[in-house]
Protein backbone atom coordinates (compact mmCIF):
# COMPACT_ATOMS: atom_id res chain seq x y z
CA MET A 1 84.34 88.84 106.34
CA THR A 2 87.26 91.14 107.13
CA LEU A 3 90.97 90.47 106.97
CA PRO A 4 92.62 89.19 110.15
CA PRO A 5 94.15 92.09 112.13
CA ASP A 6 97.45 90.21 112.43
CA LEU A 7 97.82 89.86 108.63
CA PRO A 8 100.12 92.41 106.96
CA VAL A 9 99.09 93.55 103.47
CA VAL A 10 102.18 93.95 101.31
CA ASP A 11 102.71 95.47 97.85
CA HIS A 12 105.94 93.82 96.78
CA HIS A 13 106.95 96.34 94.10
CA CYS A 14 106.00 99.96 93.56
CA HIS A 15 107.55 103.32 92.77
CA LEU A 16 106.79 106.58 94.55
CA SER A 17 108.21 109.99 93.82
CA PRO A 18 108.40 113.40 95.50
CA ASN A 19 107.46 114.71 92.05
CA GLY A 20 104.26 112.66 91.96
CA GLU A 21 101.70 111.72 94.60
CA GLY A 22 104.47 110.49 96.88
CA VAL A 23 103.27 110.36 100.48
CA ALA A 24 99.66 110.99 99.40
CA ALA A 25 99.71 107.72 97.43
CA ALA A 26 101.04 105.90 100.49
CA ARG A 27 98.19 107.38 102.52
CA ARG A 28 95.71 105.99 99.99
CA PHE A 29 97.40 102.59 100.27
CA ARG A 30 97.12 102.71 104.07
CA LYS A 31 93.47 103.79 103.98
CA ALA A 32 92.71 100.88 101.65
CA GLY A 33 94.22 98.47 104.19
CA GLY A 34 97.85 98.24 103.10
CA THR A 35 100.61 98.08 105.70
CA HIS A 36 103.95 97.46 103.94
CA LEU A 37 105.50 98.55 100.63
CA PHE A 38 108.63 97.47 98.82
CA LEU A 39 109.78 100.74 97.26
CA ALA A 40 111.96 100.40 94.16
CA THR A 41 114.13 103.42 93.48
CA GLN A 42 113.77 105.34 90.24
CA ALA A 43 115.11 108.43 88.50
CA TYR A 44 113.62 111.52 90.13
CA ALA A 45 115.36 114.16 88.02
CA PRO A 46 115.22 114.60 84.24
CA GLY A 47 118.07 113.35 82.11
CA PRO A 48 120.28 110.29 82.43
CA ILE A 49 122.54 109.70 85.42
CA THR A 50 126.19 109.73 84.35
CA THR A 51 128.03 109.81 87.71
CA LEU A 52 128.11 107.66 90.82
CA ALA A 53 127.18 110.73 92.86
CA GLY A 54 124.00 110.88 90.81
CA TYR A 55 123.02 107.36 91.87
CA GLU A 56 123.94 108.09 95.49
CA SER A 57 121.62 111.10 95.41
CA GLN A 58 118.85 108.98 93.86
CA PHE A 59 119.13 106.31 96.55
CA GLU A 60 119.12 108.98 99.26
CA THR A 61 115.92 110.46 97.83
CA THR A 62 114.31 107.02 98.01
CA GLU A 63 115.43 106.64 101.62
CA ARG A 64 114.10 110.07 102.65
CA LEU A 65 110.80 109.30 100.97
CA SER A 66 110.47 105.96 102.77
CA GLN A 67 111.15 107.63 106.13
CA THR A 68 108.56 110.32 105.44
CA ILE A 69 106.00 107.70 104.41
CA LEU A 70 106.40 105.84 107.70
CA ARG A 71 106.18 109.06 109.70
CA GLU A 72 103.28 110.69 107.83
CA ALA A 73 101.33 107.77 106.31
CA GLY A 74 102.03 104.99 108.81
CA VAL A 75 103.23 102.57 106.11
CA VAL A 76 106.39 100.50 106.57
CA VAL A 77 108.67 100.80 103.54
CA TYR A 78 111.50 98.50 102.43
CA ASN A 79 113.97 100.13 100.05
CA VAL A 80 115.11 98.29 96.91
CA VAL A 81 117.96 100.08 95.12
CA ALA A 82 120.08 99.63 91.98
CA PRO A 83 120.73 101.39 88.68
CA TYR A 84 117.80 100.78 86.34
CA PRO A 85 118.96 98.60 83.41
CA VAL A 86 117.42 100.83 80.74
CA ASP A 87 119.46 103.78 82.08
CA LEU A 88 122.49 102.14 80.51
CA ILE A 89 121.28 103.12 77.05
CA ALA A 90 120.90 106.86 77.66
CA ALA A 91 124.09 107.05 79.70
CA GLY A 92 125.95 105.17 76.98
CA GLU A 93 124.92 107.78 74.43
CA LEU A 94 126.51 110.52 76.54
CA ILE A 95 129.62 108.92 78.06
CA GLY A 96 130.05 105.82 75.90
CA VAL A 97 128.84 102.29 76.57
CA PRO A 98 132.04 101.08 78.35
CA ALA A 99 131.93 104.02 80.78
CA ALA A 100 128.19 103.51 81.34
CA ARG A 101 128.82 99.82 82.04
CA ASP A 102 131.48 100.68 84.60
CA LEU A 103 129.18 103.26 86.20
CA HIS A 104 126.41 100.69 86.60
CA ARG A 105 128.84 98.21 88.14
CA ALA A 106 129.96 100.86 90.63
CA ALA A 107 126.33 101.78 91.39
CA LEU A 108 125.60 98.12 92.11
CA ASP A 109 128.55 98.04 94.51
CA LEU A 110 127.04 101.10 96.20
CA ALA A 111 123.64 99.37 96.38
CA GLY A 112 125.30 96.35 97.97
CA HIS A 113 126.88 98.65 100.55
CA TRP A 114 123.42 100.02 101.34
CA VAL A 115 122.14 96.49 101.92
CA ARG A 116 125.06 95.77 104.26
CA GLU A 117 124.21 98.93 106.20
CA GLY A 118 120.54 97.97 106.46
CA ARG A 119 119.42 100.91 104.31
CA ALA A 120 118.00 98.60 101.63
CA VAL A 121 116.73 95.02 101.55
CA ALA A 122 117.47 94.02 97.95
CA LEU A 123 119.06 95.01 94.67
CA GLY A 124 116.51 96.09 92.11
CA GLU A 125 115.52 96.48 89.51
CA VAL A 126 118.41 94.75 87.77
CA GLY A 127 118.54 92.80 84.54
CA ARG A 128 118.21 93.70 80.90
CA PRO A 129 116.38 96.28 78.80
CA HIS A 130 112.96 94.88 77.87
CA PHE A 131 113.27 95.80 74.17
CA PRO A 132 115.85 95.20 71.41
CA THR A 133 119.15 97.07 71.73
CA SER A 134 122.47 97.16 69.93
CA PRO A 135 124.82 94.19 70.42
CA GLU A 136 127.21 96.45 72.35
CA VAL A 137 124.52 97.59 74.78
CA ARG A 138 123.19 94.06 75.15
CA ALA A 139 126.65 92.72 76.00
CA ALA A 140 127.21 95.53 78.52
CA ALA A 141 123.79 94.94 80.11
CA ASP A 142 124.51 91.22 80.41
CA GLU A 143 127.85 91.94 82.09
CA VAL A 144 126.21 94.35 84.52
CA PHE A 145 123.48 91.81 85.28
CA VAL A 146 126.03 89.14 86.17
CA HIS A 147 127.75 91.64 88.45
CA ALA A 148 124.39 92.34 90.15
CA LEU A 149 124.03 88.62 90.90
CA GLU A 150 127.58 88.55 92.26
CA VAL A 151 126.93 91.53 94.52
CA GLY A 152 123.65 90.03 95.73
CA ARG A 153 125.44 86.74 96.43
CA ASP A 154 128.21 88.45 98.35
CA VAL A 155 125.94 90.60 100.54
CA GLY A 156 123.33 87.86 100.92
CA CYS A 157 120.28 89.67 99.54
CA PRO A 158 117.63 89.08 96.87
CA VAL A 159 117.85 90.58 93.40
CA VAL A 160 114.68 91.83 91.73
CA ILE A 161 114.77 91.17 88.00
CA HIS A 162 113.64 93.57 85.29
CA SER A 163 113.59 92.01 81.83
CA GLU A 164 111.55 91.30 78.76
CA ASP A 165 108.68 88.84 79.19
CA LEU A 166 110.17 85.42 79.84
CA ASP A 167 108.79 82.12 78.63
CA PRO A 168 109.46 79.01 80.78
CA GLU A 169 112.73 78.19 79.03
CA ALA A 170 113.96 81.76 79.50
CA VAL A 171 113.16 81.52 83.22
CA ARG A 172 115.18 78.31 83.40
CA GLU A 173 118.05 80.03 81.58
CA LEU A 174 117.88 82.83 84.13
CA ALA A 175 118.12 80.26 86.91
CA ARG A 176 121.10 78.59 85.18
CA LEU A 177 122.86 81.96 84.99
CA ALA A 178 122.25 82.50 88.70
CA ARG A 179 123.61 79.06 89.53
CA SER A 180 126.73 79.76 87.45
CA VAL A 181 127.71 82.49 89.92
CA GLU A 182 126.35 80.57 92.93
CA PHE A 183 123.42 82.91 93.48
CA PRO A 184 120.52 81.09 95.23
CA ALA A 185 117.37 80.63 93.14
CA GLY A 186 115.27 81.24 96.24
CA ARG A 187 116.35 84.88 96.20
CA LEU A 188 115.95 85.46 92.46
CA VAL A 189 112.72 87.45 92.07
CA LYS A 190 111.04 87.91 88.68
CA HIS A 191 109.28 91.26 88.99
CA TYR A 192 106.27 92.14 86.79
CA GLN A 193 105.31 88.53 86.18
CA ARG A 194 102.11 88.50 84.13
CA ARG A 195 101.61 84.76 83.71
CA LEU A 196 101.26 82.07 86.33
CA PHE A 197 104.41 80.01 86.85
CA PRO A 198 103.68 76.38 85.94
CA PRO A 199 104.56 73.82 88.63
CA ASP A 200 107.79 72.82 86.90
CA LEU A 201 109.16 76.38 87.32
CA VAL A 202 108.79 76.34 91.09
CA GLY A 203 112.28 76.68 92.51
CA THR A 204 113.80 78.32 89.43
CA ALA A 205 112.91 81.86 90.55
CA VAL A 206 110.28 83.58 92.68
CA PRO A 207 107.47 85.27 90.71
CA SER A 208 106.13 88.64 91.77
CA TYR A 209 102.73 88.64 90.11
CA LEU A 210 101.18 91.81 88.73
CA ALA A 211 98.04 92.07 90.87
CA ARG A 212 95.43 91.79 88.15
CA ARG A 213 92.23 90.21 89.38
CA GLU A 214 92.40 86.99 87.37
CA LEU A 215 96.08 86.43 88.07
CA CYS A 216 95.59 87.01 91.80
CA ASP A 217 92.77 84.46 91.82
CA GLU A 218 94.89 81.93 89.94
CA SER A 219 97.96 82.48 92.09
CA LEU A 220 96.15 81.59 95.32
CA GLY A 221 96.52 77.93 94.36
CA SER A 222 100.19 78.19 93.44
CA PRO A 223 102.91 76.23 95.25
CA GLY A 224 106.18 77.77 96.31
CA SER A 225 106.93 81.40 97.14
CA TRP A 226 105.28 84.26 95.24
CA PHE A 227 104.27 87.89 95.70
CA TRP A 228 101.67 90.40 94.53
CA GLU A 229 102.72 93.81 93.20
CA THR A 230 101.28 96.86 91.47
CA ASP A 231 104.43 98.34 89.88
CA PHE A 232 102.69 101.66 90.55
CA LEU A 233 104.74 104.29 88.70
CA ASP A 234 103.55 107.48 90.45
CA ASP A 235 103.80 109.30 87.13
CA PRO A 236 101.43 112.31 86.80
CA ARG A 237 101.39 111.72 83.05
CA ARG A 238 100.04 108.17 83.57
CA PRO A 239 97.73 108.23 86.61
CA GLY A 240 97.21 104.79 88.12
CA ALA A 241 99.81 103.05 85.95
CA VAL A 242 100.81 100.24 85.99
CA LEU A 243 98.20 99.36 88.61
CA ASP A 244 96.91 101.80 91.19
CA ILE A 245 98.55 101.79 94.62
CA GLU A 246 95.30 100.62 96.27
CA THR A 247 95.10 97.45 94.17
CA VAL A 248 96.81 94.90 96.46
CA PRO A 249 94.70 95.80 99.52
CA ARG A 250 91.59 95.64 97.33
CA ARG A 251 92.56 92.19 96.08
CA ALA A 252 93.14 91.01 99.64
CA ARG A 253 89.76 92.33 100.78
CA ALA A 254 88.09 90.64 97.82
CA VAL A 255 89.51 87.30 98.94
CA ALA A 256 88.09 87.86 102.42
CA GLU A 257 84.68 88.85 101.04
CA ARG A 258 84.27 86.33 98.21
CA THR A 259 86.33 83.31 99.28
CA PRO A 260 86.98 83.54 103.03
CA ASP A 261 88.16 79.93 103.07
CA LEU A 262 91.23 81.15 101.11
CA ILE A 263 92.26 83.90 103.53
CA GLU A 264 94.98 81.68 104.93
CA ARG A 265 96.57 81.56 101.46
CA LEU A 266 97.28 85.31 101.79
CA GLN A 267 99.98 84.35 104.26
CA ILE A 268 102.06 83.29 101.23
CA PRO A 269 102.56 86.63 99.46
CA PHE A 270 102.37 88.79 102.58
CA VAL A 271 104.28 86.78 105.19
CA LYS A 272 105.81 83.43 104.23
CA SER A 273 107.39 84.51 100.94
CA VAL A 274 108.82 87.68 102.47
CA GLU A 275 110.29 85.60 105.25
CA SER A 276 111.76 82.95 102.95
CA VAL A 277 113.14 85.36 100.32
CA TYR A 278 114.14 88.37 102.44
CA GLY A 279 114.73 86.77 105.82
CA PHE A 280 112.36 88.90 107.88
CA ARG A 281 108.67 88.78 108.79
CA PRO A 282 106.44 91.83 108.19
CA ASP A 283 104.54 92.78 111.32
CA PRO A 284 101.29 94.73 110.92
CA ALA A 285 101.92 96.28 114.34
CA GLU A 286 104.86 98.17 112.75
CA ALA A 287 102.41 100.17 110.66
CA VAL A 288 100.81 103.12 112.40
CA PRO A 289 96.99 102.84 112.60
CA ASP A 290 94.88 105.41 110.79
């Protein structure tokens, strides 16, 4: 059985780069059956960013890439922009942690402006370094993270969380932090989620599941909103990492072929969750046919 023609196939989180496969990777995604990508910005030049102009240039590169992908690969791209939390460490070593903290706050304000202008749909990735850091860096990262939630609240957009692996209590703590600044849990997205959310976590945050076969199979029975993602890095040094760009369409086709009675459940990651979290509905007609 094939996928319904009116079903979009959405990778909720990936990275593409003009220094990697770039548009060619998007073409592979389209050929595999994908229609929409959420493209998270990343550093495209070597060395840490230490000026706001540097982040503006990075966001503009992401935007140009997304426009080229639509034009040349026929894939609809939603931009997700913010300073990457780990960048705070390298920038802090060059300009000092307080200055790096202030730079990241300003870059988040810029990202919020992009959302207001319709040039991006969310702030991301935001959060904390996923490994131990000095107390000074940790405190600065926490302050920047709170500011990200405040910006997301004020512009009315989701925030996509980068962090260490979180156990259930840590997810609840994340939700409590969001509530403390009146950020809605329904727009708090835990990117790179590698374990199924238990039922009692539904409503604390929205998991974006790494599209490994077993986790995709398990997630089809999950309540609440959730996504599938590859976190494809488009790094020539690590081909196919984290998961290859074709993975989400392959997982969707596998559902159609092996368990066609579950095809309707694909509406959750590809349509209903996008609509509830982001406020718009992906339309497969937006993507240009091969």
